[in-house]
């Protein structure tokens, strides 16, 4: 079992920045590849970014366009998502997930946090 808790969401104006954190506990964090997904009201959960277990590989959704950076600190059991130049369309609940697979597909993820709300005003 891996327990995940997100934090760092909030209300920000367009063009602003937020840093999301995901604290992991339970089984060895470094055994898992990690990802960030988001879900807006009335929409399906969509992939945002993924990072492999060691942190030397990452992959982003096209809409990120260089604005977000995923990172992890295995010594602290932490996952991060630095989000810059936020847009109103980035408004969603953001979830971190843990998977034995390095994947962009949410069904591949075994464990999820409860989510943190990000709201970007225009």
PDB file of N, CA and C in Angstrom:
ATOM      1  N   UNK A   1       0.827  -1.196   0.000  1.00  0.00           N
ATOM      2  CA  UNK A   1       0.000   0.000   0.000  1.00  0.00           C
ATOM      3  C   UNK A   1       0.869   1.258   0.000  1.00  0.00           C
ATOM      4  N   UNK A   2       0.423   2.244  -0.737  1.00  0.00           N
ATOM      5  CA  UNK A   2       1.061   3.562  -0.738  1.00  0.00           C
ATOM      6  C   UNK A   2      -0.036   4.578  -0.470  1.00  0.00           C
ATOM      7  N   UNK A   3       0.185   5.438   0.493  1.00  0.00           N
ATOM      8  CA  UNK A   3      -0.759   6.508   0.776  1.00  0.00           C
ATOM      9  C   UNK A   3      -0.191   7.813   0.210  1.00  0.00           C
ATOM     10  N   UNK A   4      -1.048   8.549  -0.478  1.00  0.00           N
ATOM     11  CA  UNK A   4      -0.633   9.777  -1.144  1.00  0.00           C
ATOM     12  C   UNK A   4      -1.504  10.928  -0.685  1.00  0.00           C
ATOM     13  N   UNK A   5      -0.881  12.047  -0.384  1.00  0.00           N
ATOM     14  CA  UNK A   5      -1.622  13.236   0.052  1.00  0.00           C
ATOM     15  C   UNK A   5      -1.098  14.446  -0.705  1.00  0.00           C
ATOM     16  N   UNK A   6      -1.978  15.055  -1.495  1.00  0.00           N
ATOM     17  CA  UNK A   6      -1.598  16.251  -2.258  1.00  0.00           C
ATOM     18  C   UNK A   6      -1.823  17.507  -1.440  1.00  0.00           C
ATOM     19  N   UNK A   7      -1.070  18.535  -1.779  1.00  0.00           N
ATOM     20  CA  UNK A   7      -1.243  19.851  -1.173  1.00  0.00           C
ATOM     21  C   UNK A   7      -0.701  20.896  -2.132  1.00  0.00           C
ATOM     22  N   UNK A   8      -0.995  22.163  -1.845  1.00  0.00           N
ATOM     23  CA  UNK A   8      -0.427  23.248  -2.624  1.00  0.00           C
ATOM     24  C   UNK A   8      -1.374  23.898  -3.614  1.00  0.00           C
ATOM     25  N   UNK A   9      -2.577  23.353  -3.744  1.00  0.00           N
ATOM     26  CA  UNK A   9      -3.540  23.976  -4.646  1.00  0.00           C
ATOM     27  C   UNK A   9      -4.051  25.288  -4.085  1.00  0.00           C
ATOM     28  N   UNK A  10      -4.826  25.986  -4.908  1.00  0.00           N
ATOM     29  CA  UNK A  10      -5.385  27.246  -4.463  1.00  0.00           C
ATOM     30  C   UNK A  10      -5.910  28.062  -5.616  1.00  0.00           C
ATOM     31  N   UNK A  11      -6.201  29.330  -5.326  1.00  0.00           N
ATOM     32  CA  UNK A  11      -6.704  30.275  -6.317  1.00  0.00           C
ATOM     33  C   UNK A  11      -5.562  31.186  -6.749  1.00  0.00           C
ATOM     34  N   UNK A  12      -5.368  31.306  -8.053  1.00  0.00           N
ATOM     35  CA  UNK A  12      -4.292  32.132  -8.592  1.00  0.00           C
ATOM     36  C   UNK A  12      -4.791  32.827  -9.846  1.00  0.00           C
ATOM     37  N   UNK A  13      -4.244  33.990 -10.114  1.00  0.00           N
ATOM     38  CA  UNK A  13      -4.605  34.701 -11.339  1.00  0.00           C
ATOM     39  C   UNK A  13      -3.866  34.122 -12.534  1.00  0.00           C
ATOM     40  N   UNK A  14      -4.445  34.294 -13.698  1.00  0.00           N
ATOM     41  CA  UNK A  14      -3.788  33.845 -14.930  1.00  0.00           C
ATOM     42  C   UNK A  14      -2.385  34.445 -15.012  1.00  0.00           C
ATOM     43  N   UNK A  15      -1.442  33.601 -15.417  1.00  0.00           N
ATOM     44  CA  UNK A  15      -0.046  34.011 -15.477  1.00  0.00           C
ATOM     45  C   UNK A  15       0.730  33.713 -14.209  1.00  0.00           C
ATOM     46  N   UNK A  16       0.030  33.348 -13.160  1.00  0.00           N
ATOM     47  CA  UNK A  16       0.677  33.053 -11.889  1.00  0.00           C
ATOM     48  C   UNK A  16       1.241  31.651 -11.824  1.00  0.00           C
ATOM     49  N   UNK A  17       1.759  31.300 -10.652  1.00  0.00           N
ATOM     50  CA  UNK A  17       2.414  30.012 -10.448  1.00  0.00           C
ATOM     51  C   UNK A  17       1.899  29.337  -9.180  1.00  0.00           C
ATOM     52  N   UNK A  18       1.958  28.022  -9.188  1.00  0.00           N
ATOM     53  CA  UNK A  18       1.681  27.206  -8.014  1.00  0.00           C
ATOM     54  C   UNK A  18       2.637  26.027  -8.019  1.00  0.00           C
ATOM     55  N   UNK A  19       2.954  25.543  -6.832  1.00  0.00           N
ATOM     56  CA  UNK A  19       3.741  24.320  -6.703  1.00  0.00           C
ATOM     57  C   UNK A  19       2.921  23.306  -5.931  1.00  0.00           C
ATOM     58  N   UNK A  20       2.552  22.228  -6.591  1.00  0.00           N
ATOM     59  CA  UNK A  20       1.822  21.152  -5.947  1.00  0.00           C
ATOM     60  C   UNK A  20       2.815  20.159  -5.351  1.00  0.00           C
ATOM     61  N   UNK A  21       2.443  19.614  -4.202  1.00  0.00           N
ATOM     62  CA  UNK A  21       3.249  18.593  -3.551  1.00  0.00           C
ATOM     63  C   UNK A  21       2.403  17.355  -3.326  1.00  0.00           C
ATOM     64  N   UNK A  22       3.069  16.231  -3.301  1.00  0.00           N
ATOM     65  CA  UNK A  22       2.407  14.952  -3.031  1.00  0.00           C
ATOM     66  C   UNK A  22       3.306  14.182  -2.066  1.00  0.00           C
ATOM     67  N   UNK A  23       2.801  13.993  -0.853  1.00  0.00           N
ATOM     68  CA  UNK A  23       3.559  13.274   0.167  1.00  0.00           C
ATOM     69  C   UNK A  23       3.155  11.809   0.151  1.00  0.00           C
ATOM     70  N   UNK A  24       4.141  10.932   0.115  1.00  0.00           N
ATOM     71  CA  UNK A  24       3.890   9.490   0.052  1.00  0.00           C
ATOM     72  C   UNK A  24       4.310   8.818   1.339  1.00  0.00           C
ATOM     73  N   UNK A  25       3.557   7.819   1.734  1.00  0.00           N
ATOM     74  CA  UNK A  25       3.924   7.000   2.892  1.00  0.00           C
ATOM     75  C   UNK A  25       3.525   5.568   2.603  1.00  0.00           C
ATOM     76  N   UNK A  26       4.044   4.650   3.388  1.00  0.00           N
ATOM     77  CA  UNK A  26       3.748   3.246   3.173  1.00  0.00           C
ATOM     78  C   UNK A  26       4.917   2.537   2.520  1.00  0.00           C
ATOM     79  N   UNK A  27       4.630   1.792   1.475  1.00  0.00           N
ATOM     80  CA  UNK A  27       5.674   1.017   0.816  1.00  0.00           C
ATOM     81  C   UNK A  27       6.677   1.943   0.134  1.00  0.00           C
ATOM     82  N   UNK A  28       7.799   1.423  -0.244  1.00  0.00           N
ATOM     83  CA  UNK A  28       8.921   2.202  -0.739  1.00  0.00           C
ATOM     84  C   UNK A  28       8.518   3.083  -1.913  1.00  0.00           C
ATOM     85  N   UNK A  29       8.574   4.389  -1.676  1.00  0.00           N
ATOM     86  CA  UNK A  29       8.182   5.373  -2.683  1.00  0.00           C
ATOM     87  C   UNK A  29       9.013   5.224  -3.951  1.00  0.00           C
ATOM     88  N   UNK A  30      10.280   4.995  -3.797  1.00  0.00           N
ATOM     89  CA  UNK A  30      11.175   4.937  -4.954  1.00  0.00           C
ATOM     90  C   UNK A  30      10.940   3.714  -5.829  1.00  0.00           C
ATOM     91  N   UNK A  31      10.072   2.811  -5.392  1.00  0.00           N
ATOM     92  CA  UNK A  31       9.736   1.644  -6.210  1.00  0.00           C
ATOM     93  C   UNK A  31       8.728   1.985  -7.298  1.00  0.00           C
ATOM     94  N   UNK A  32       8.114   3.166  -7.187  1.00  0.00           N
ATOM     95  CA  UNK A  32       7.007   3.509  -8.071  1.00  0.00           C
ATOM     96  C   UNK A  32       7.351   4.639  -9.021  1.00  0.00           C
ATOM     97  N   UNK A  33       6.837   4.496 -10.231  1.00  0.00           N
ATOM     98  CA  UNK A  33       6.764   5.633 -11.123  1.00  0.00           C
ATOM     99  C   UNK A  33       5.581   6.487 -10.667  1.00  0.00           C
ATOM    100  N   UNK A  34       5.675   7.785 -10.903  1.00  0.00           N
ATOM    101  CA  UNK A  34       4.657   8.687 -10.386  1.00  0.00           C
ATOM    102  C   UNK A  34       4.090   9.566 -11.492  1.00  0.00           C
ATOM    103  N   UNK A  35       2.864  10.010 -11.290  1.00  0.00           N
ATOM    104  CA  UNK A  35       2.246  10.880 -12.279  1.00  0.00           C
ATOM    105  C   UNK A  35       1.318  11.892 -11.659  1.00  0.00           C
ATOM    106  N   UNK A  36       1.075  12.947 -12.409  1.00  0.00           N
ATOM    107  CA  UNK A  36       0.054  13.940 -12.071  1.00  0.00           C
ATOM    108  C   UNK A  36      -1.029  13.890 -13.145  1.00  0.00           C
ATOM    109  N   UNK A  37      -2.258  13.883 -12.681  1.00  0.00           N
ATOM    110  CA  UNK A  37      -3.424  13.938 -13.546  1.00  0.00           C
ATOM    111  C   UNK A  37      -4.317  15.059 -13.059  1.00  0.00           C
ATOM    112  N   UNK A  38      -5.276  15.444 -13.875  1.00  0.00           N
ATOM    113  CA  UNK A  38      -6.228  16.468 -13.442  1.00  0.00           C
ATOM    114  C   UNK A  38      -7.603  16.144 -13.987  1.00  0.00           C
ATOM    115  N   UNK A  39      -8.605  16.669 -13.292  1.00  0.00           N
ATOM    116  CA  UNK A  39      -9.985  16.440 -13.708  1.00  0.00           C
ATOM    117  C   UNK A  39     -10.790  17.711 -13.475  1.00  0.00           C
ATOM    118  N   UNK A  40     -11.314  18.245 -14.562  1.00  0.00           N
ATOM    119  CA  UNK A  40     -12.178  19.414 -14.500  1.00  0.00           C
ATOM    120  C   UNK A  40     -13.629  18.946 -14.426  1.00  0.00           C
ATOM    121  N   UNK A  41     -14.521  19.779 -13.914  1.00  0.00           N
ATOM    122  CA  UNK A  41     -15.930  19.377 -13.808  1.00  0.00           C
ATOM    123  C   UNK A  41     -16.503  18.948 -15.150  1.00  0.00           C
ATOM    124  N   UNK A  42     -17.147  17.796 -15.152  1.00  0.00           N
ATOM    125  CA  UNK A  42     -17.780  17.296 -16.362  1.00  0.00           C
ATOM    126  C   UNK A  42     -16.833  16.683 -17.367  1.00  0.00           C
ATOM    127  N   UNK A  43     -15.554  16.576 -17.003  1.00  0.00           N
ATOM    128  CA  UNK A  43     -14.555  16.015 -17.925  1.00  0.00           C
ATOM    129  C   UNK A  43     -13.894  14.796 -17.307  1.00  0.00           C
ATOM    130  N   UNK A  44     -13.286  14.003 -18.165  1.00  0.00           N
ATOM    131  CA  UNK A  44     -12.565  12.831 -17.694  1.00  0.00           C
ATOM    132  C   UNK A  44     -11.212  13.244 -17.108  1.00  0.00           C
ATOM    133  N   UNK A  45     -10.673  12.364 -16.266  1.00  0.00           N
ATOM    134  CA  UNK A  45      -9.347  12.615 -15.717  1.00  0.00           C
ATOM    135  C   UNK A  45      -8.337  12.539 -16.850  1.00  0.00           C
ATOM    136  N   UNK A  46      -7.444  13.530 -16.915  1.00  0.00           N
ATOM    137  CA  UNK A  46      -6.476  13.560 -18.008  1.00  0.00           C
ATOM    138  C   UNK A  46      -5.052  13.626 -17.466  1.00  0.00           C
ATOM    139  N   UNK A  47      -4.162  13.071 -18.239  1.00  0.00           N
ATOM    140  CA  UNK A  47      -2.756  13.018 -17.907  1.00  0.00           C
ATOM    141  C   UNK A  47      -2.128  14.403 -17.991  1.00  0.00           C
ATOM    142  N   UNK A  48      -1.267  14.694 -17.019  1.00  0.00           N
ATOM    143  CA  UNK A  48      -0.529  15.952 -17.018  1.00  0.00           C
ATOM    144  C   UNK A  48       0.975  15.704 -17.192  1.00  0.00           C
ATOM    145  N   UNK A  49       1.537  14.869 -16.310  1.00  0.00           N
ATOM    146  CA  UNK A  49       2.983  14.623 -16.347  1.00  0.00           C
ATOM    147  C   UNK A  49       3.291  13.324 -15.618  1.00  0.00           C
ATOM    148  N   UNK A  50       4.392  12.683 -15.997  1.00  0.00           N
ATOM    149  CA  UNK A  50       4.847  11.471 -15.334  1.00  0.00           C
ATOM    150  C   UNK A  50       6.354  11.533 -15.152  1.00  0.00           C
ATOM    151  N   UNK A  51       6.822  10.834 -14.136  1.00  0.00           N
ATOM    152  CA  UNK A  51       8.251  10.763 -13.853  1.00  0.00           C
ATOM    153  C   UNK A  51       8.581   9.343 -13.451  1.00  0.00           C
ATOM    154  N   UNK A  52       9.741   8.849 -13.883  1.00  0.00           N
ATOM    155  CA  UNK A  52      10.076   7.462 -13.568  1.00  0.00           C
ATOM    156  C   UNK A  52      10.592   7.360 -12.135  1.00  0.00           C
ATOM    157  N   UNK A  53      10.863   6.152 -11.699  1.00  0.00           N
ATOM    158  CA  UNK A  53      11.172   5.917 -10.296  1.00  0.00           C
ATOM    159  C   UNK A  53      12.416   6.667  -9.831  1.00  0.00           C
ATOM    160  N   UNK A  54      13.387   6.831 -10.705  1.00  0.00           N
ATOM    161  CA  UNK A  54      14.640   7.468 -10.296  1.00  0.00           C
ATOM    162  C   UNK A  54      14.641   8.977 -10.536  1.00  0.00           C
ATOM    163  N   UNK A  55      13.671   9.457 -11.279  1.00  0.00           N
ATOM    164  CA  UNK A  55      13.580  10.885 -11.533  1.00  0.00           C
ATOM    165  C   UNK A  55      14.364  11.377 -12.727  1.00  0.00           C
ATOM    166  N   UNK A  56      14.942  10.483 -13.519  1.00  0.00           N
ATOM    167  CA  UNK A  56      15.744  10.945 -14.651  1.00  0.00           C
ATOM    168  C   UNK A  56      14.999  10.888 -15.977  1.00  0.00           C
ATOM    169  N   UNK A  57      13.743  10.484 -15.938  1.00  0.00           N
ATOM    170  CA  UNK A  57      12.899  10.517 -17.132  1.00  0.00           C
ATOM    171  C   UNK A  57      11.573  11.157 -16.769  1.00  0.00           C
ATOM    172  N   UNK A  58      11.076  12.012 -17.641  1.00  0.00           N
ATOM    173  CA  UNK A  58       9.769  12.614 -17.428  1.00  0.00           C
ATOM    174  C   UNK A  58       9.085  12.837 -18.763  1.00  0.00           C
ATOM    175  N   UNK A  59       7.788  12.972 -18.692  1.00  0.00           N
ATOM    176  CA  UNK A  59       6.992  13.116 -19.909  1.00  0.00           C
ATOM    177  C   UNK A  59       5.803  14.003 -19.583  1.00  0.00           C
ATOM    178  N   UNK A  60       5.406  14.835 -20.551  1.00  0.00           N
ATOM    179  CA  UNK A  60       4.352  15.804 -20.315  1.00  0.00           C
ATOM    180  C   UNK A  60       3.277  15.738 -21.391  1.00  0.00           C
ATOM    181  N   UNK A  61       2.076  16.097 -20.995  1.00  0.00           N
ATOM    182  CA  UNK A  61       0.997  16.260 -21.960  1.00  0.00           C
ATOM    183  C   UNK A  61       1.320  17.443 -22.866  1.00  0.00           C
ATOM    184  N   UNK A  62       0.791  17.401 -24.069  1.00  0.00           N
ATOM    185  CA  UNK A  62       1.076  18.465 -25.038  1.00  0.00           C
ATOM    186  C   UNK A  62       0.650  19.838 -24.530  1.00  0.00           C
ATOM    187  N   UNK A  63      -0.433  19.874 -23.785  1.00  0.00           N
ATOM    188  CA  UNK A  63      -0.965  21.187 -23.373  1.00  0.00           C
ATOM    189  C   UNK A  63      -0.054  21.870 -22.351  1.00  0.00           C
ATOM    190  N   UNK A  64       0.864  21.141 -21.764  1.00  0.00           N
ATOM    191  CA  UNK A  64       1.774  21.748 -20.783  1.00  0.00           C
ATOM    192  C   UNK A  64       2.657  22.800 -21.441  1.00  0.00           C
ATOM    193  N   UNK A  65       3.137  22.498 -22.637  1.00  0.00           N
ATOM    194  CA  UNK A  65       3.891  23.484 -23.444  1.00  0.00           C
ATOM    195  C   UNK A  65       5.037  24.133 -22.661  1.00  0.00           C
ATOM    196  N   UNK A  66       5.741  23.336 -21.867  1.00  0.00           N
ATOM    197  CA  UNK A  66       6.907  23.832 -21.148  1.00  0.00           C
ATOM    198  C   UNK A  66       6.602  24.641 -19.906  1.00  0.00           C
ATOM    199  N   UNK A  67       5.346  24.723 -19.503  1.00  0.00           N
ATOM    200  CA  UNK A  67       4.967  25.538 -18.348  1.00  0.00           C
ATOM    201  C   UNK A  67       5.101  24.799 -17.018  1.00  0.00           C
ATOM    202  N   UNK A  68       5.024  23.483 -17.028  1.00  0.00           N
ATOM    203  CA  UNK A  68       5.038  22.681 -15.799  1.00  0.00           C
ATOM    204  C   UNK A  68       6.318  21.859 -15.726  1.00  0.00           C
ATOM    205  N   UNK A  69       6.754  21.569 -14.492  1.00  0.00           N
ATOM    206  CA  UNK A  69       7.896  20.696 -14.270  1.00  0.00           C
ATOM    207  C   UNK A  69       7.568  19.706 -13.165  1.00  0.00           C
ATOM    208  N   UNK A  70       7.689  18.425 -13.487  1.00  0.00           N
ATOM    209  CA  UNK A  70       7.487  17.370 -12.486  1.00  0.00           C
ATOM    210  C   UNK A  70       8.849  16.992 -11.912  1.00  0.00           C
ATOM    211  N   UNK A  71       8.886  16.744 -10.609  1.00  0.00           N
ATOM    212  CA  UNK A  71      10.131  16.328  -9.970  1.00  0.00           C
ATOM    213  C   UNK A  71       9.801  15.478  -8.750  1.00  0.00           C
ATOM    214  N   UNK A  72      10.797  14.805  -8.230  1.00  0.00           N
ATOM    215  CA  UNK A  72      10.592  13.979  -7.049  1.00  0.00           C
ATOM    216  C   UNK A  72      11.836  13.998  -6.183  1.00  0.00           C
ATOM    217  N   UNK A  73      11.628  13.765  -4.901  1.00  0.00           N
ATOM    218  CA  UNK A  73      12.727  13.640  -3.945  1.00  0.00           C
ATOM    219  C   UNK A  73      12.508  12.334  -3.205  1.00  0.00           C
ATOM    220  N   UNK A  74      13.191  11.298  -3.620  1.00  0.00           N
ATOM    221  CA  UNK A  74      12.970   9.973  -3.030  1.00  0.00           C
ATOM    222  C   UNK A  74      13.420   9.918  -1.569  1.00  0.00           C
ATOM    223  N   UNK A  75      14.371  10.738  -1.203  1.00  0.00           N
ATOM    224  CA  UNK A  75      14.826  10.757   0.190  1.00  0.00           C
ATOM    225  C   UNK A  75      13.739  11.291   1.122  1.00  0.00           C
ATOM    226  N   UNK A  76      12.872  12.147   0.581  1.00  0.00           N
ATOM    227  CA  UNK A  76      11.794  12.750   1.372  1.00  0.00           C
ATOM    228  C   UNK A  76      10.425  12.162   1.056  1.00  0.00           C
ATOM    229  N   UNK A  77      10.379  11.192   0.145  1.00  0.00           N
ATOM    230  CA  UNK A  77       9.109  10.592  -0.280  1.00  0.00           C
ATOM    231  C   UNK A  77       8.134  11.658  -0.794  1.00  0.00           C
ATOM    232  N   UNK A  78       8.653  12.542  -1.643  1.00  0.00           N
ATOM    233  CA  UNK A  78       7.845  13.656  -2.129  1.00  0.00           C
ATOM    234  C   UNK A  78       7.860  13.719  -3.654  1.00  0.00           C
ATOM    235  N   UNK A  79       6.726  14.095  -4.203  1.00  0.00           N
ATOM    236  CA  UNK A  79       6.548  14.373  -5.620  1.00  0.00           C
ATOM    237  C   UNK A  79       6.072  15.814  -5.740  1.00  0.00           C
ATOM    238  N   UNK A  80       6.527  16.498  -6.797  1.00  0.00           N
ATOM    239  CA  UNK A  80       6.169  17.900  -6.980  1.00  0.00           C
ATOM    240  C   UNK A  80       5.706  18.163  -8.406  1.00  0.00           C
ATOM    241  N   UNK A  81       4.914  19.220  -8.541  1.00  0.00           N
ATOM    242  CA  UNK A  81       4.564  19.736  -9.856  1.00  0.00           C
ATOM    243  C   UNK A  81       4.629  21.259  -9.775  1.00  0.00           C
ATOM    244  N   UNK A  82       5.656  21.828 -10.378  1.00  0.00           N
ATOM    245  CA  UNK A  82       5.781  23.270 -10.463  1.00  0.00           C
ATOM    246  C   UNK A  82       5.016  23.735 -11.690  1.00  0.00           C
ATOM    247  N   UNK A  83       4.046  24.625 -11.482  1.00  0.00           N
ATOM    248  CA  UNK A  83       3.197  25.093 -12.574  1.00  0.00           C
ATOM    249  C   UNK A  83       3.376  26.603 -12.721  1.00  0.00           C
ATOM    250  N   UNK A  84       3.830  27.016 -13.874  1.00  0.00           N
ATOM    251  CA  UNK A  84       4.036  28.425 -14.172  1.00  0.00           C
ATOM    252  C   UNK A  84       3.119  28.870 -15.309  1.00  0.00           C
ATOM    253  N   UNK A  85       2.951  30.173 -15.440  1.00  0.00           N
ATOM    254  CA  UNK A  85       2.126  30.743 -16.519  1.00  0.00           C
ATOM    255  C   UNK A  85       0.768  30.029 -16.600  1.00  0.00           C
ATOM    256  N   UNK A  86       0.110  29.945 -15.471  1.00  0.00           N
ATOM    257  CA  UNK A  86      -1.161  29.227 -15.422  1.00  0.00           C
ATOM    258  C   UNK A  86      -2.241  29.938 -16.222  1.00  0.00           C
ATOM    259  N   UNK A  87      -3.125  29.129 -16.786  1.00  0.00           N
ATOM    260  CA  UNK A  87      -4.216  29.628 -17.612  1.00  0.00           C
ATOM    261  C   UNK A  87      -5.548  29.218 -16.990  1.00  0.00           C
ATOM    262  N   UNK A  88      -6.625  29.923 -17.274  1.00  0.00           N
ATOM    263  CA  UNK A  88      -7.932  29.521 -16.734  1.00  0.00           C
ATOM    264  C   UNK A  88      -8.301  28.082 -17.077  1.00  0.00           C
ATOM    265  N   UNK A  89      -7.875  27.605 -18.236  1.00  0.00           N
ATOM    266  CA  UNK A  89      -8.187  26.226 -18.630  1.00  0.00           C
ATOM    267  C   UNK A  89      -7.406  25.188 -17.835  1.00  0.00           C
ATOM    268  N   UNK A  90      -6.465  25.621 -17.006  1.00  0.00           N
ATOM    269  CA  UNK A  90      -5.763  24.698 -16.101  1.00  0.00           C
ATOM    270  C   UNK A  90      -6.573  24.432 -14.832  1.00  0.00           C
ATOM    271  N   UNK A  91      -7.694  25.106 -14.664  1.00  0.00           N
ATOM    272  CA  UNK A  91      -8.537  24.895 -13.490  1.00  0.00           C
ATOM    273  C   UNK A  91      -9.058  23.469 -13.449  1.00  0.00           C
ATOM    274  N   UNK A  92      -8.792  22.794 -12.335  1.00  0.00           N
ATOM    275  CA  UNK A  92      -9.164  21.380 -12.181  1.00  0.00           C
ATOM    276  C   UNK A  92      -8.743  20.916 -10.792  1.00  0.00           C
ATOM    277  N   UNK A  93      -9.183  19.718 -10.449  1.00  0.00           N
ATOM    278  CA  UNK A  93      -8.625  19.020  -9.299  1.00  0.00           C
ATOM    279  C   UNK A  93      -7.425  18.216  -9.796  1.00  0.00           C
ATOM    280  N   UNK A  94      -6.303  18.389  -9.137  1.00  0.00           N
ATOM    281  CA  UNK A  94      -5.071  17.716  -9.526  1.00  0.00           C
ATOM    282  C   UNK A  94      -4.801  16.555  -8.580  1.00  0.00           C
ATOM    283  N   UNK A  95      -4.492  15.400  -9.173  1.00  0.00           N
ATOM    284  CA  UNK A  95      -4.254  14.174  -8.424  1.00  0.00           C
ATOM    285  C   UNK A  95      -2.847  13.651  -8.701  1.00  0.00           C
ATOM    286  N   UNK A  96      -2.214  13.132  -7.670  1.00  0.00           N
ATOM    287  CA  UNK A  96      -0.983  12.384  -7.905  1.00  0.00           C
ATOM    288  C   UNK A  96      -1.303  10.889  -7.829  1.00  0.00           C
ATOM    289  N   UNK A  97      -0.562  10.126  -8.606  1.00  0.00           N
ATOM    290  CA  UNK A  97      -0.770   8.691  -8.650  1.00  0.00           C
ATOM    291  C   UNK A  97       0.550   7.952  -8.660  1.00  0.00           C
ATOM    292  N   UNK A  98       0.519   6.723  -8.194  1.00  0.00           N
ATOM    293  CA  UNK A  98       1.696   5.861  -8.157  1.00  0.00           C
ATOM    294  C   UNK A  98       1.426   4.609  -8.964  1.00  0.00           C
ATOM    295  N   UNK A  99       2.422   4.191  -9.730  1.00  0.00           N
ATOM    296  CA  UNK A  99       2.227   3.048 -10.614  1.00  0.00           C
ATOM    297  C   UNK A  99       3.508   2.239 -10.715  1.00  0.00           C
ATOM    298  N   UNK A 100       3.365   0.939 -10.940  1.00  0.00           N
ATOM    299  CA  UNK A 100       4.530   0.106 -11.241  1.00  0.00           C
ATOM    300  C   UNK A 100       4.925   0.264 -12.700  1.00  0.00           C
ATOM    301  N   UNK A 101       4.086   0.949 -13.463  1.00  0.00           N
ATOM    302  CA  UNK A 101       4.353   1.207 -14.874  1.00  0.00           C
ATOM    303  C   UNK A 101       4.630   2.690 -15.096  1.00  0.00           C
ATOM    304  N   UNK A 102       5.514   2.985 -16.003  1.00  0.00           N
ATOM    305  CA  UNK A 102       5.778   4.366 -16.410  1.00  0.00           C
ATOM    306  C   UNK A 102       4.769   4.656 -17.508  1.00  0.00           C
ATOM    307  N   UNK A 103       3.674   5.342 -17.148  1.00  0.00           N
ATOM    308  CA  UNK A 103       2.521   5.389 -18.035  1.00  0.00           C
ATOM    309  C   UNK A 103       1.841   6.752 -18.025  1.00  0.00           C
ATOM    310  N   UNK A 104       1.162   7.047 -19.144  1.00  0.00           N
ATOM    311  CA  UNK A 104       0.330   8.248 -19.246  1.00  0.00           C
ATOM    312  C   UNK A 104      -1.148   7.912 -19.065  1.00  0.00           C
ATOM    313  N   UNK A 105      -1.453   6.645 -18.829  1.00  0.00           N
ATOM    314  CA  UNK A 105      -2.837   6.168 -18.761  1.00  0.00           C
ATOM    315  C   UNK A 105      -3.263   6.026 -17.305  1.00  0.00           C
ATOM    316  N   UNK A 106      -4.360   6.656 -16.916  1.00  0.00           N
ATOM    317  CA  UNK A 106      -4.712   6.659 -15.498  1.00  0.00           C
ATOM    318  C   UNK A 106      -5.078   5.265 -14.994  1.00  0.00           C
ATOM    319  N   UNK A 107      -5.571   4.396 -15.867  1.00  0.00           N
ATOM    320  CA  UNK A 107      -5.908   3.039 -15.436  1.00  0.00           C
ATOM    321  C   UNK A 107      -4.684   2.240 -15.025  1.00  0.00           C
ATOM    322  N   UNK A 108      -3.503   2.692 -15.426  1.00  0.00           N
ATOM    323  CA  UNK A 108      -2.270   1.987 -15.071  1.00  0.00           C
ATOM    324  C   UNK A 108      -1.802   2.313 -13.664  1.00  0.00           C
ATOM    325  N   UNK A 109      -2.427   3.296 -13.039  1.00  0.00           N
ATOM    326  CA  UNK A 109      -1.991   3.737 -11.724  1.00  0.00           C
ATOM    327  C   UNK A 109      -2.730   2.979 -10.625  1.00  0.00           C
ATOM    328  N   UNK A 110      -1.959   2.580  -9.606  1.00  0.00           N
ATOM    329  CA  UNK A 110      -2.479   1.711  -8.565  1.00  0.00           C
ATOM    330  C   UNK A 110      -2.985   2.484  -7.348  1.00  0.00           C
ATOM    331  N   UNK A 111      -2.380   3.622  -7.093  1.00  0.00           N
ATOM    332  CA  UNK A 111      -2.717   4.384  -5.893  1.00  0.00           C
ATOM    333  C   UNK A 111      -2.899   5.859  -6.281  1.00  0.00           C
ATOM    334  N   UNK A 112      -3.845   6.494  -5.575  1.00  0.00           N
ATOM    335  CA  UNK A 112      -4.182   7.895  -5.836  1.00  0.00           C
ATOM    336  C   UNK A 112      -4.307   8.668  -4.537  1.00  0.00           C
ATOM    337  N   UNK A 113      -4.014   9.954  -4.623  1.00  0.00           N
ATOM    338  CA  UNK A 113      -4.324  10.846  -3.531  1.00  0.00           C
ATOM    339  C   UNK A 113      -5.758  11.338  -3.648  1.00  0.00           C
ATOM    340  N   UNK A 114      -6.142  12.210  -2.725  1.00  0.00           N
ATOM    341  CA  UNK A 114      -7.524  12.705  -2.693  1.00  0.00           C
ATOM    342  C   UNK A 114      -7.733  13.910  -3.599  1.00  0.00           C
ATOM    343  N   UNK A 115      -6.641  14.482  -4.079  1.00  0.00           N
ATOM    344  CA  UNK A 115      -6.739  15.612  -4.994  1.00  0.00           C
ATOM    345  C   UNK A 115      -6.607  16.955  -4.311  1.00  0.00           C
ATOM    346  N   UNK A 116      -6.162  17.950  -5.080  1.00  0.00           N
ATOM    347  CA  UNK A 116      -6.078  19.324  -4.588  1.00  0.00           C
ATOM    348  C   UNK A 116      -6.602  20.249  -5.681  1.00  0.00           C
ATOM    349  N   UNK A 117      -7.450  21.183  -5.287  1.00  0.00           N
ATOM    350  CA  UNK A 117      -8.113  22.064  -6.251  1.00  0.00           C
ATOM    351  C   UNK A 117      -7.189  23.189  -6.688  1.00  0.00           C
ATOM    352  N   UNK A 118      -7.117  23.378  -8.000  1.00  0.00           N
ATOM    353  CA  UNK A 118      -6.399  24.508  -8.581  1.00  0.00           C
ATOM    354  C   UNK A 118      -7.418  25.331  -9.368  1.00  0.00           C
ATOM    355  N   UNK A 119      -7.532  26.596  -9.039  1.00  0.00           N
ATOM    356  CA  UNK A 119      -8.443  27.486  -9.729  1.00  0.00           C
ATOM    357  C   UNK A 119      -7.660  28.681 -10.254  1.00  0.00           C
ATOM    358  N   UNK A 120      -7.772  28.913 -11.559  1.00  0.00           N
ATOM    359  CA  UNK A 120      -7.055  30.013 -12.187  1.00  0.00           C
ATOM    360  C   UNK A 120      -8.080  31.020 -12.698  1.00  0.00           C
ATOM    361  N   UNK A 121      -8.019  32.221 -12.201  1.00  0.00           N
ATOM    362  CA  UNK A 121      -8.959  33.258 -12.613  1.00  0.00           C
ATOM    363  C   UNK A 121      -8.370  34.082 -13.760  1.00  0.00           C
ATOM    364  N   UNK A 122      -9.269  34.571 -14.602  1.00  0.00           N
ATOM    365  CA  UNK A 122      -8.815  35.352 -15.765  1.00  0.00           C
ATOM    366  C   UNK A 122      -8.716  36.835 -15.440  1.00  0.00           C
TER     367      UNK A 122
END
